[in-house]
Amino acid sequence: MDTNLGKLIKALRVGKKKTLKQISEKTELSISFLSQVERGKSSITLESLKKISEALEVSPSYFFADEPAQPKTTLRRGSNEPTRSHLSPFIYEDLSGDLAHSAMEPKLVTLLPYDEKGAPFAHKGQEFVYVLEGVLTLLLGDEEHDLYPGDSIHMDSSTPHNWHNRTPQRVRFLCVNSN
């Protein structure tokens, strides 16, 4: 459980003069769950963080910034060691940097073998996915698509969707969300 994430959520909520009830109504997450997250007593999924971000009118990457720096351009050097996010069951690397008021949220995602966690969800904006390695199964509304290296899809994020890896190999893909 990350108490810093909870503190950030609470500080932003209070700064925007929003109540837990208002955030609960916008996110369809319970008031008690939101309170536990803010107090660092409960873990949060990427799906829930996206809902909270939308309710607070910020990008989910807002919660990953190490420092409040606001550069006009971000150059990010590659890393050989992706990190497992405490927010999701897969490996998630935020590639956005600290650009203020970013219109998109790029991330490198790694799904481990046979990773089929989570139900489809929807959010505001658009999403672009480009498969780098493995076979990504994309659930999109009532459809299911297998995407191979070099395949991509650009979609409206308001359509319920999710990703799965149904193979014994890892899957890596670039995902870019617009805000």
N, C-alpha and C. Protein backbone atom coordinates (compact mmCIF):
# COMPACT_ATOMS: atom_id res chain seq x y z
N MET A 1 0.83 -1.18 0.00
CA MET A 1 0.00 0.00 0.00
C MET A 1 0.88 1.24 0.00
N ASP A 2 0.58 2.16 -0.88
CA ASP A 2 1.38 3.36 -1.03
C ASP A 2 0.67 4.54 -0.38
N THR A 3 1.20 4.95 0.77
CA THR A 3 0.56 6.07 1.48
C THR A 3 0.80 7.38 0.74
N ASN A 4 1.93 7.50 0.02
CA ASN A 4 2.18 8.73 -0.73
C ASN A 4 1.15 8.95 -1.82
N LEU A 5 0.75 7.89 -2.51
CA LEU A 5 -0.27 8.00 -3.55
C LEU A 5 -1.58 8.47 -2.93
N GLY A 6 -1.95 7.88 -1.81
CA GLY A 6 -3.17 8.28 -1.12
C GLY A 6 -3.13 9.74 -0.70
N LYS A 7 -1.97 10.17 -0.18
CA LYS A 7 -1.82 11.57 0.23
C LYS A 7 -1.95 12.51 -0.97
N LEU A 8 -1.38 12.12 -2.10
CA LEU A 8 -1.49 12.94 -3.32
C LEU A 8 -2.94 13.06 -3.77
N ILE A 9 -3.65 11.94 -3.75
CA ILE A 9 -5.06 11.95 -4.16
C ILE A 9 -5.85 12.86 -3.23
N LYS A 10 -5.64 12.71 -1.93
CA LYS A 10 -6.39 13.52 -0.96
C LYS A 10 -6.06 15.01 -1.12
N ALA A 11 -4.77 15.33 -1.26
CA ALA A 11 -4.37 16.73 -1.40
C ALA A 11 -5.00 17.35 -2.65
N LEU A 12 -5.00 16.62 -3.73
CA LEU A 12 -5.61 17.12 -4.96
C LEU A 12 -7.11 17.28 -4.79
N ARG A 13 -7.76 16.29 -4.20
CA ARG A 13 -9.20 16.36 -3.98
C ARG A 13 -9.57 17.55 -3.11
N VAL A 14 -8.87 17.71 -1.99
CA VAL A 14 -9.15 18.82 -1.08
C VAL A 14 -8.84 20.15 -1.76
N GLY A 15 -7.74 20.20 -2.52
CA GLY A 15 -7.38 21.43 -3.24
C GLY A 15 -8.43 21.83 -4.25
N LYS A 16 -9.12 20.86 -4.81
CA LYS A 16 -10.17 21.14 -5.79
C LYS A 16 -11.54 21.27 -5.13
N LYS A 17 -11.53 21.23 -3.78
CA LYS A 17 -12.75 21.38 -2.98
C LYS A 17 -13.83 20.37 -3.37
N LYS A 18 -13.38 19.12 -3.51
CA LYS A 18 -14.28 18.01 -3.82
C LYS A 18 -14.42 17.13 -2.59
N THR A 19 -15.60 16.61 -2.37
CA THR A 19 -15.83 15.70 -1.25
C THR A 19 -15.62 14.25 -1.72
N LEU A 20 -15.44 13.37 -0.76
CA LEU A 20 -15.35 11.94 -1.10
C LEU A 20 -16.64 11.49 -1.79
N LYS A 21 -17.77 12.02 -1.36
CA LYS A 21 -19.04 11.66 -1.97
C LYS A 21 -19.08 12.06 -3.44
N GLN A 22 -18.59 13.25 -3.77
CA GLN A 22 -18.58 13.70 -5.17
C GLN A 22 -17.68 12.80 -6.02
N ILE A 23 -16.52 12.45 -5.49
CA ILE A 23 -15.60 11.59 -6.24
C ILE A 23 -16.20 10.19 -6.38
N SER A 24 -16.85 9.72 -5.33
CA SER A 24 -17.51 8.41 -5.36
C SER A 24 -18.57 8.37 -6.45
N GLU A 25 -19.37 9.41 -6.54
CA GLU A 25 -20.44 9.45 -7.56
C GLU A 25 -19.88 9.47 -8.97
N LYS A 26 -18.76 10.18 -9.19
CA LYS A 26 -18.16 10.27 -10.52
C LYS A 26 -17.43 8.98 -10.91
N THR A 27 -16.86 8.29 -9.93
CA THR A 27 -16.03 7.11 -10.22
C THR A 27 -16.76 5.79 -10.05
N GLU A 28 -17.90 5.81 -9.36
CA GLU A 28 -18.63 4.60 -8.99
C GLU A 28 -17.80 3.71 -8.06
N LEU A 29 -16.87 4.35 -7.30
CA LEU A 29 -16.10 3.66 -6.27
C LEU A 29 -16.70 4.08 -4.93
N SER A 30 -16.72 3.19 -3.96
CA SER A 30 -17.35 3.51 -2.68
C SER A 30 -16.56 4.56 -1.91
N ILE A 31 -17.29 5.31 -1.10
CA ILE A 31 -16.66 6.32 -0.25
C ILE A 31 -15.65 5.66 0.69
N SER A 32 -16.02 4.51 1.25
CA SER A 32 -15.11 3.84 2.19
C SER A 32 -13.83 3.39 1.48
N PHE A 33 -13.94 2.89 0.25
CA PHE A 33 -12.75 2.50 -0.51
C PHE A 33 -11.86 3.71 -0.77
N LEU A 34 -12.47 4.81 -1.23
CA LEU A 34 -11.70 6.03 -1.51
C LEU A 34 -10.99 6.53 -0.25
N SER A 35 -11.68 6.47 0.87
CA SER A 35 -11.09 6.90 2.14
C SER A 35 -9.91 6.01 2.52
N GLN A 36 -10.06 4.70 2.33
CA GLN A 36 -8.97 3.76 2.64
C GLN A 36 -7.76 4.01 1.74
N VAL A 37 -8.00 4.31 0.46
CA VAL A 37 -6.90 4.62 -0.46
C VAL A 37 -6.18 5.87 0.01
N GLU A 38 -6.94 6.91 0.34
CA GLU A 38 -6.34 8.17 0.78
C GLU A 38 -5.51 8.00 2.05
N ARG A 39 -5.91 7.07 2.92
CA ARG A 39 -5.19 6.82 4.17
C ARG A 39 -4.10 5.76 4.02
N GLY A 40 -3.92 5.24 2.79
CA GLY A 40 -2.90 4.22 2.56
C GLY A 40 -3.25 2.87 3.13
N LYS A 41 -4.53 2.62 3.36
CA LYS A 41 -4.99 1.36 3.95
C LYS A 41 -5.44 0.35 2.90
N SER A 42 -5.53 0.79 1.64
CA SER A 42 -5.99 -0.10 0.58
C SER A 42 -5.20 0.16 -0.69
N SER A 43 -4.90 -0.90 -1.42
CA SER A 43 -4.23 -0.77 -2.71
C SER A 43 -5.24 -0.31 -3.75
N ILE A 44 -4.72 0.18 -4.87
CA ILE A 44 -5.58 0.70 -5.93
C ILE A 44 -5.14 0.11 -7.26
N THR A 45 -6.09 -0.19 -8.11
CA THR A 45 -5.78 -0.71 -9.45
C THR A 45 -5.59 0.47 -10.41
N LEU A 46 -4.97 0.19 -11.54
CA LEU A 46 -4.80 1.21 -12.57
C LEU A 46 -6.17 1.71 -13.04
N GLU A 47 -7.12 0.80 -13.17
CA GLU A 47 -8.47 1.16 -13.58
C GLU A 47 -9.10 2.17 -12.61
N SER A 48 -8.97 1.91 -11.31
CA SER A 48 -9.52 2.83 -10.30
C SER A 48 -8.78 4.16 -10.31
N LEU A 49 -7.46 4.12 -10.49
CA LEU A 49 -6.69 5.36 -10.54
C LEU A 49 -7.11 6.21 -11.74
N LYS A 50 -7.40 5.56 -12.87
CA LYS A 50 -7.87 6.31 -14.04
C LYS A 50 -9.20 6.98 -13.75
N LYS A 51 -10.10 6.27 -13.09
CA LYS A 51 -11.40 6.86 -12.73
C LYS A 51 -11.23 8.05 -11.81
N ILE A 52 -10.37 7.91 -10.81
CA ILE A 52 -10.12 9.00 -9.87
C ILE A 52 -9.47 10.18 -10.59
N SER A 53 -8.53 9.88 -11.48
CA SER A 53 -7.87 10.94 -12.25
C SER A 53 -8.88 11.74 -13.07
N GLU A 54 -9.79 11.02 -13.72
CA GLU A 54 -10.82 11.70 -14.52
C GLU A 54 -11.71 12.57 -13.63
N ALA A 55 -12.09 12.05 -12.48
CA ALA A 55 -12.95 12.80 -11.56
C ALA A 55 -12.24 14.05 -11.04
N LEU A 56 -10.91 13.97 -10.90
CA LEU A 56 -10.13 15.11 -10.41
C LEU A 56 -9.54 15.94 -11.54
N GLU A 57 -9.83 15.54 -12.79
CA GLU A 57 -9.45 16.27 -13.99
C GLU A 57 -7.93 16.41 -14.14
N VAL A 58 -7.22 15.29 -13.91
CA VAL A 58 -5.78 15.24 -14.14
C VAL A 58 -5.45 13.94 -14.86
N SER A 59 -4.28 13.88 -15.45
CA SER A 59 -3.80 12.66 -16.07
C SER A 59 -3.35 11.69 -14.97
N PRO A 60 -3.51 10.37 -15.16
CA PRO A 60 -2.99 9.43 -14.16
C PRO A 60 -1.48 9.62 -13.92
N SER A 61 -0.76 10.12 -14.93
CA SER A 61 0.68 10.33 -14.76
C SER A 61 0.98 11.40 -13.72
N TYR A 62 0.02 12.23 -13.38
CA TYR A 62 0.17 13.23 -12.32
C TYR A 62 0.66 12.57 -11.03
N PHE A 63 0.18 11.37 -10.76
CA PHE A 63 0.49 10.69 -9.52
C PHE A 63 1.84 9.97 -9.54
N PHE A 64 2.52 9.97 -10.70
CA PHE A 64 3.81 9.30 -10.81
C PHE A 64 4.98 10.27 -10.85
N ALA A 65 4.72 11.55 -10.98
CA ALA A 65 5.79 12.54 -11.09
C ALA A 65 6.60 12.54 -9.80
N ASP A 66 7.94 12.45 -9.94
CA ASP A 66 8.81 12.46 -8.77
C ASP A 66 8.97 13.86 -8.19
N GLU A 67 8.99 14.86 -9.06
CA GLU A 67 9.17 16.24 -8.63
C GLU A 67 8.17 17.11 -9.36
N PRO A 68 7.84 18.25 -8.81
CA PRO A 68 6.86 19.11 -9.45
C PRO A 68 7.41 19.91 -10.63
N ALA A 69 8.55 19.53 -11.18
CA ALA A 69 9.13 20.26 -12.31
C ALA A 69 8.17 20.26 -13.49
N GLN A 70 8.16 21.35 -14.24
CA GLN A 70 7.23 21.49 -15.36
C GLN A 70 7.99 21.90 -16.63
N PRO A 71 8.86 21.04 -17.17
CA PRO A 71 9.61 21.41 -18.37
C PRO A 71 8.70 21.50 -19.59
N LYS A 72 9.16 22.22 -20.62
CA LYS A 72 8.40 22.33 -21.87
C LYS A 72 8.65 21.12 -22.75
N THR A 73 9.79 20.50 -22.59
CA THR A 73 10.15 19.33 -23.38
C THR A 73 10.75 18.29 -22.44
N THR A 74 10.47 17.03 -22.72
CA THR A 74 11.04 15.97 -21.89
C THR A 74 11.80 15.01 -22.77
N LEU A 75 13.07 14.79 -22.44
CA LEU A 75 13.88 13.77 -23.09
C LEU A 75 14.06 12.68 -22.06
N ARG A 76 13.67 11.48 -22.42
CA ARG A 76 13.75 10.36 -21.49
C ARG A 76 14.66 9.31 -22.09
N ARG A 77 15.72 8.99 -21.39
CA ARG A 77 16.64 7.94 -21.83
C ARG A 77 16.09 6.58 -21.42
N GLY A 78 16.28 5.59 -22.27
CA GLY A 78 15.77 4.25 -22.00
C GLY A 78 16.42 3.62 -20.78
N SER A 79 15.72 2.64 -20.25
CA SER A 79 16.19 1.92 -19.08
C SER A 79 16.06 0.43 -19.37
N ASN A 80 17.00 -0.35 -18.89
CA ASN A 80 16.93 -1.79 -19.10
C ASN A 80 16.16 -2.49 -18.00
N GLU A 81 15.72 -1.76 -16.98
CA GLU A 81 15.06 -2.38 -15.84
C GLU A 81 13.66 -1.82 -15.66
N PRO A 82 12.64 -2.41 -16.32
CA PRO A 82 11.28 -1.95 -16.07
C PRO A 82 10.90 -2.26 -14.64
N THR A 83 9.96 -1.49 -14.12
CA THR A 83 9.55 -1.70 -12.74
C THR A 83 8.11 -2.18 -12.69
N ARG A 84 7.82 -3.04 -11.72
CA ARG A 84 6.46 -3.51 -11.54
C ARG A 84 5.72 -2.46 -10.75
N SER A 85 4.62 -2.01 -11.30
CA SER A 85 3.81 -1.00 -10.63
C SER A 85 3.00 -1.64 -9.53
N HIS A 86 2.86 -0.94 -8.40
CA HIS A 86 2.02 -1.42 -7.32
C HIS A 86 0.54 -1.23 -7.66
N LEU A 87 0.26 -0.54 -8.78
CA LEU A 87 -1.11 -0.24 -9.15
C LEU A 87 -1.75 -1.30 -10.02
N SER A 88 -0.97 -2.20 -10.58
CA SER A 88 -1.54 -3.16 -11.52
C SER A 88 -0.78 -4.47 -11.47
N PRO A 89 -1.39 -5.53 -11.99
CA PRO A 89 -0.75 -6.84 -11.93
C PRO A 89 0.28 -7.04 -13.04
N PHE A 90 0.50 -6.04 -13.87
CA PHE A 90 1.48 -6.17 -14.94
C PHE A 90 2.56 -5.12 -14.78
N ILE A 91 3.61 -5.22 -15.59
CA ILE A 91 4.72 -4.28 -15.51
C ILE A 91 4.36 -3.05 -16.35
N TYR A 92 4.44 -1.91 -15.74
CA TYR A 92 3.95 -0.67 -16.31
C TYR A 92 5.04 0.38 -16.16
N GLU A 93 5.48 0.97 -17.26
CA GLU A 93 6.51 2.00 -17.21
C GLU A 93 5.97 3.28 -17.81
N ASP A 94 5.84 4.30 -17.00
CA ASP A 94 5.34 5.60 -17.45
C ASP A 94 6.46 6.28 -18.25
N LEU A 95 6.16 6.65 -19.49
CA LEU A 95 7.16 7.28 -20.36
C LEU A 95 6.93 8.78 -20.52
N SER A 96 5.99 9.34 -19.77
CA SER A 96 5.56 10.72 -20.03
C SER A 96 6.49 11.80 -19.51
N GLY A 97 7.26 11.54 -18.50
CA GLY A 97 8.09 12.61 -17.93
C GLY A 97 7.24 13.60 -17.17
N ASP A 98 7.70 14.82 -17.08
CA ASP A 98 7.04 15.83 -16.25
C ASP A 98 6.46 16.98 -17.06
N LEU A 99 6.08 16.75 -18.29
CA LEU A 99 5.55 17.81 -19.13
C LEU A 99 4.22 18.31 -18.57
N ALA A 100 4.14 19.61 -18.35
CA ALA A 100 2.91 20.19 -17.78
C ALA A 100 1.77 20.11 -18.78
N HIS A 101 0.57 19.81 -18.30
CA HIS A 101 -0.65 19.78 -19.11
C HIS A 101 -0.51 18.90 -20.35
N SER A 102 0.08 17.75 -20.17
CA SER A 102 0.29 16.82 -21.28
C SER A 102 -1.05 16.39 -21.89
N ALA A 103 -1.10 16.33 -23.21
CA ALA A 103 -2.31 15.92 -23.92
C ALA A 103 -2.35 14.41 -24.13
N MET A 104 -1.24 13.73 -23.80
CA MET A 104 -1.21 12.28 -23.96
C MET A 104 -0.39 11.65 -22.85
N GLU A 105 -0.63 10.37 -22.66
CA GLU A 105 0.03 9.61 -21.61
C GLU A 105 0.64 8.34 -22.21
N PRO A 106 1.93 8.37 -22.56
CA PRO A 106 2.56 7.18 -23.13
C PRO A 106 3.10 6.25 -22.04
N LYS A 107 2.95 4.95 -22.26
CA LYS A 107 3.50 3.99 -21.31
C LYS A 107 3.91 2.72 -22.05
N LEU A 108 4.91 2.06 -21.48
CA LEU A 108 5.36 0.76 -21.98
C LEU A 108 4.78 -0.26 -21.03
N VAL A 109 4.04 -1.24 -21.57
CA VAL A 109 3.35 -2.22 -20.74
C VAL A 109 3.89 -3.61 -21.05
N THR A 110 4.14 -4.39 -20.02
CA THR A 110 4.55 -5.79 -20.17
C THR A 110 3.52 -6.65 -19.45
N LEU A 111 2.91 -7.56 -20.19
CA LEU A 111 2.00 -8.53 -19.58
C LEU A 111 2.76 -9.84 -19.44
N LEU A 112 2.70 -10.40 -18.27
CA LEU A 112 3.39 -11.66 -18.01
C LEU A 112 2.60 -12.81 -18.63
N PRO A 113 3.24 -13.98 -18.81
CA PRO A 113 2.52 -15.12 -19.40
C PRO A 113 1.21 -15.42 -18.67
N TYR A 114 0.20 -15.68 -19.44
CA TYR A 114 -1.13 -16.05 -18.97
C TYR A 114 -1.74 -14.99 -18.03
N ASP A 115 -1.45 -13.74 -18.28
CA ASP A 115 -1.99 -12.65 -17.46
C ASP A 115 -3.34 -12.23 -18.02
N GLU A 116 -4.41 -12.57 -17.32
CA GLU A 116 -5.78 -12.23 -17.75
C GLU A 116 -6.52 -11.55 -16.61
N LYS A 117 -5.93 -10.54 -16.03
CA LYS A 117 -6.52 -9.86 -14.87
C LYS A 117 -7.46 -8.75 -15.31
N GLY A 118 -8.53 -8.59 -14.60
CA GLY A 118 -9.38 -7.42 -14.77
C GLY A 118 -10.46 -7.55 -15.82
N ALA A 119 -11.54 -6.82 -15.58
CA ALA A 119 -12.66 -6.76 -16.50
C ALA A 119 -12.48 -5.55 -17.41
N PRO A 120 -13.12 -5.55 -18.58
CA PRO A 120 -13.03 -4.38 -19.46
C PRO A 120 -13.51 -3.11 -18.75
N PHE A 121 -12.87 -1.99 -19.08
CA PHE A 121 -13.24 -0.69 -18.51
C PHE A 121 -13.15 0.37 -19.59
N ALA A 122 -13.78 1.50 -19.35
CA ALA A 122 -13.79 2.61 -20.30
C ALA A 122 -13.32 3.87 -19.59
N HIS A 123 -12.82 4.81 -20.36
CA HIS A 123 -12.40 6.10 -19.82
C HIS A 123 -12.46 7.12 -20.94
N LYS A 124 -12.26 8.38 -20.60
CA LYS A 124 -12.32 9.44 -21.60
C LYS A 124 -11.10 9.38 -22.51
N GLY A 125 -11.24 9.94 -23.70
CA GLY A 125 -10.11 10.09 -24.60
C GLY A 125 -10.01 8.99 -25.64
N GLN A 126 -8.81 8.90 -26.19
CA GLN A 126 -8.49 7.90 -27.20
C GLN A 126 -7.29 7.11 -26.72
N GLU A 127 -7.07 5.95 -27.34
CA GLU A 127 -5.96 5.09 -26.95
C GLU A 127 -5.32 4.53 -28.22
N PHE A 128 -4.00 4.52 -28.23
CA PHE A 128 -3.24 3.93 -29.33
C PHE A 128 -2.37 2.85 -28.73
N VAL A 129 -2.42 1.64 -29.31
CA VAL A 129 -1.62 0.51 -28.84
C VAL A 129 -0.78 0.01 -30.01
N TYR A 130 0.53 -0.20 -29.77
CA TYR A 130 1.44 -0.76 -30.76
C TYR A 130 2.17 -1.92 -30.10
N VAL A 131 2.01 -3.13 -30.66
CA VAL A 131 2.60 -4.33 -30.07
C VAL A 131 4.06 -4.46 -30.49
N LEU A 132 4.93 -4.61 -29.50
CA LEU A 132 6.37 -4.76 -29.73
C LEU A 132 6.80 -6.23 -29.72
N GLU A 133 6.17 -7.02 -28.84
CA GLU A 133 6.62 -8.40 -28.63
C GLU A 133 5.45 -9.25 -28.13
N GLY A 134 5.32 -10.47 -28.63
CA GLY A 134 4.29 -11.39 -28.15
C GLY A 134 2.95 -11.19 -28.85
N VAL A 135 1.94 -11.90 -28.35
CA VAL A 135 0.58 -11.83 -28.90
C VAL A 135 -0.33 -11.22 -27.84
N LEU A 136 -0.83 -10.03 -28.12
CA LEU A 136 -1.70 -9.31 -27.20
C LEU A 136 -3.15 -9.57 -27.59
N THR A 137 -3.95 -10.04 -26.64
CA THR A 137 -5.38 -10.21 -26.88
C THR A 137 -6.06 -8.96 -26.36
N LEU A 138 -6.74 -8.26 -27.26
CA LEU A 138 -7.44 -7.03 -26.92
C LEU A 138 -8.94 -7.30 -26.89
N LEU A 139 -9.55 -7.04 -25.74
CA LEU A 139 -11.00 -7.10 -25.63
C LEU A 139 -11.51 -5.69 -25.91
N LEU A 140 -12.38 -5.54 -26.89
CA LEU A 140 -12.88 -4.22 -27.29
C LEU A 140 -14.38 -4.33 -27.51
N GLY A 141 -15.14 -3.87 -26.53
CA GLY A 141 -16.59 -4.04 -26.60
C GLY A 141 -16.92 -5.51 -26.62
N ASP A 142 -17.69 -5.93 -27.61
CA ASP A 142 -18.06 -7.35 -27.75
C ASP A 142 -17.07 -8.11 -28.63
N GLU A 143 -16.01 -7.45 -29.07
CA GLU A 143 -15.05 -8.07 -29.97
C GLU A 143 -13.77 -8.46 -29.24
N GLU A 144 -13.06 -9.41 -29.83
CA GLU A 144 -11.76 -9.82 -29.31
C GLU A 144 -10.79 -9.87 -30.49
N HIS A 145 -9.62 -9.26 -30.32
CA HIS A 145 -8.62 -9.20 -31.39
C HIS A 145 -7.27 -9.67 -30.86
N ASP A 146 -6.58 -10.52 -31.64
CA ASP A 146 -5.20 -10.89 -31.32
C ASP A 146 -4.30 -9.98 -32.14
N LEU A 147 -3.42 -9.26 -31.44
CA LEU A 147 -2.49 -8.34 -32.10
C LEU A 147 -1.08 -8.90 -31.98
N TYR A 148 -0.35 -8.89 -33.09
CA TYR A 148 1.00 -9.44 -33.17
C TYR A 148 2.02 -8.31 -33.29
N PRO A 149 3.32 -8.61 -33.11
CA PRO A 149 4.34 -7.56 -33.22
C PRO A 149 4.18 -6.77 -34.53
N GLY A 150 4.16 -5.45 -34.40
CA GLY A 150 3.98 -4.57 -35.54
C GLY A 150 2.53 -4.16 -35.74
N ASP A 151 1.57 -4.87 -35.11
CA ASP A 151 0.16 -4.50 -35.21
C ASP A 151 -0.11 -3.33 -34.29
N SER A 152 -1.09 -2.52 -34.68
CA SER A 152 -1.49 -1.40 -33.82
C SER A 152 -2.99 -1.20 -33.94
N ILE A 153 -3.53 -0.46 -32.98
CA ILE A 153 -4.94 -0.10 -33.01
C ILE A 153 -5.08 1.27 -32.38
N HIS A 154 -5.94 2.08 -32.96
CA HIS A 154 -6.26 3.42 -32.45
C HIS A 154 -7.76 3.40 -32.19
N MET A 155 -8.18 3.65 -30.95
CA MET A 155 -9.58 3.46 -30.60
C MET A 155 -10.09 4.55 -29.67
N ASP A 156 -11.39 4.65 -29.61
CA ASP A 156 -12.06 5.54 -28.67
C ASP A 156 -12.07 4.81 -27.32
N SER A 157 -11.51 5.42 -26.30
CA SER A 157 -11.38 4.77 -24.99
C SER A 157 -12.70 4.65 -24.24
N SER A 158 -13.76 5.27 -24.76
CA SER A 158 -15.05 5.14 -24.09
C SER A 158 -15.69 3.78 -24.35
N THR A 159 -15.15 3.03 -25.30
CA THR A 159 -15.60 1.65 -25.53
C THR A 159 -14.92 0.77 -24.48
N PRO A 160 -15.67 -0.02 -23.71
CA PRO A 160 -15.04 -0.88 -22.71
C PRO A 160 -13.97 -1.78 -23.35
N HIS A 161 -12.80 -1.82 -22.72
CA HIS A 161 -11.68 -2.58 -23.28
C HIS A 161 -10.75 -3.05 -22.17
N ASN A 162 -9.90 -4.03 -22.53
CA ASN A 162 -8.86 -4.52 -21.62
C ASN A 162 -7.90 -5.36 -22.45
N TRP A 163 -6.74 -5.67 -21.85
CA TRP A 163 -5.71 -6.45 -22.52
C TRP A 163 -5.48 -7.74 -21.76
N HIS A 164 -5.15 -8.80 -22.51
CA HIS A 164 -4.81 -10.09 -21.89
C HIS A 164 -3.63 -10.71 -22.63
N ASN A 165 -2.89 -11.54 -21.92
CA ASN A 165 -1.85 -12.36 -22.51
C ASN A 165 -2.24 -13.80 -22.25
N ARG A 166 -2.63 -14.50 -23.28
CA ARG A 166 -3.06 -15.90 -23.15
C ARG A 166 -2.00 -16.88 -23.62
N THR A 167 -0.75 -16.42 -23.67
CA THR A 167 0.35 -17.24 -24.19
C THR A 167 1.39 -17.46 -23.09
N PRO A 168 2.33 -18.42 -23.33
CA PRO A 168 3.38 -18.65 -22.34
C PRO A 168 4.55 -17.65 -22.44
N GLN A 169 4.51 -16.73 -23.41
CA GLN A 169 5.55 -15.72 -23.56
C GLN A 169 5.04 -14.36 -23.06
N ARG A 170 5.96 -13.49 -22.67
CA ARG A 170 5.54 -12.16 -22.25
C ARG A 170 5.08 -11.35 -23.46
N VAL A 171 4.27 -10.35 -23.20
CA VAL A 171 3.81 -9.42 -24.22
C VAL A 171 4.26 -8.03 -23.83
N ARG A 172 4.83 -7.30 -24.78
CA ARG A 172 5.23 -5.90 -24.53
C ARG A 172 4.59 -5.03 -25.59
N PHE A 173 4.03 -3.91 -25.13
CA PHE A 173 3.41 -2.99 -26.09
C PHE A 173 3.48 -1.56 -25.59
N LEU A 174 3.44 -0.65 -26.54
CA LEU A 174 3.41 0.78 -26.25
C LEU A 174 1.93 1.18 -26.25
N CYS A 175 1.50 1.89 -25.22
CA CYS A 175 0.13 2.35 -25.12
C CYS A 175 0.17 3.86 -24.89
N VAL A 176 -0.55 4.61 -25.72
CA VAL A 176 -0.61 6.06 -25.57
C VAL A 176 -2.08 6.45 -25.42
N ASN A 177 -2.40 7.08 -24.29
CA ASN A 177 -3.76 7.58 -24.04
C ASN A 177 -3.78 9.08 -24.21
N SER A 178 -4.86 9.59 -24.80
CA SER A 178 -5.05 11.04 -24.82
C SER A 178 -5.90 11.40 -23.62
N ASN A 179 -5.70 12.61 -23.14
CA ASN A 179 -6.45 13.06 -21.96
C ASN A 179 -7.62 13.93 -22.37
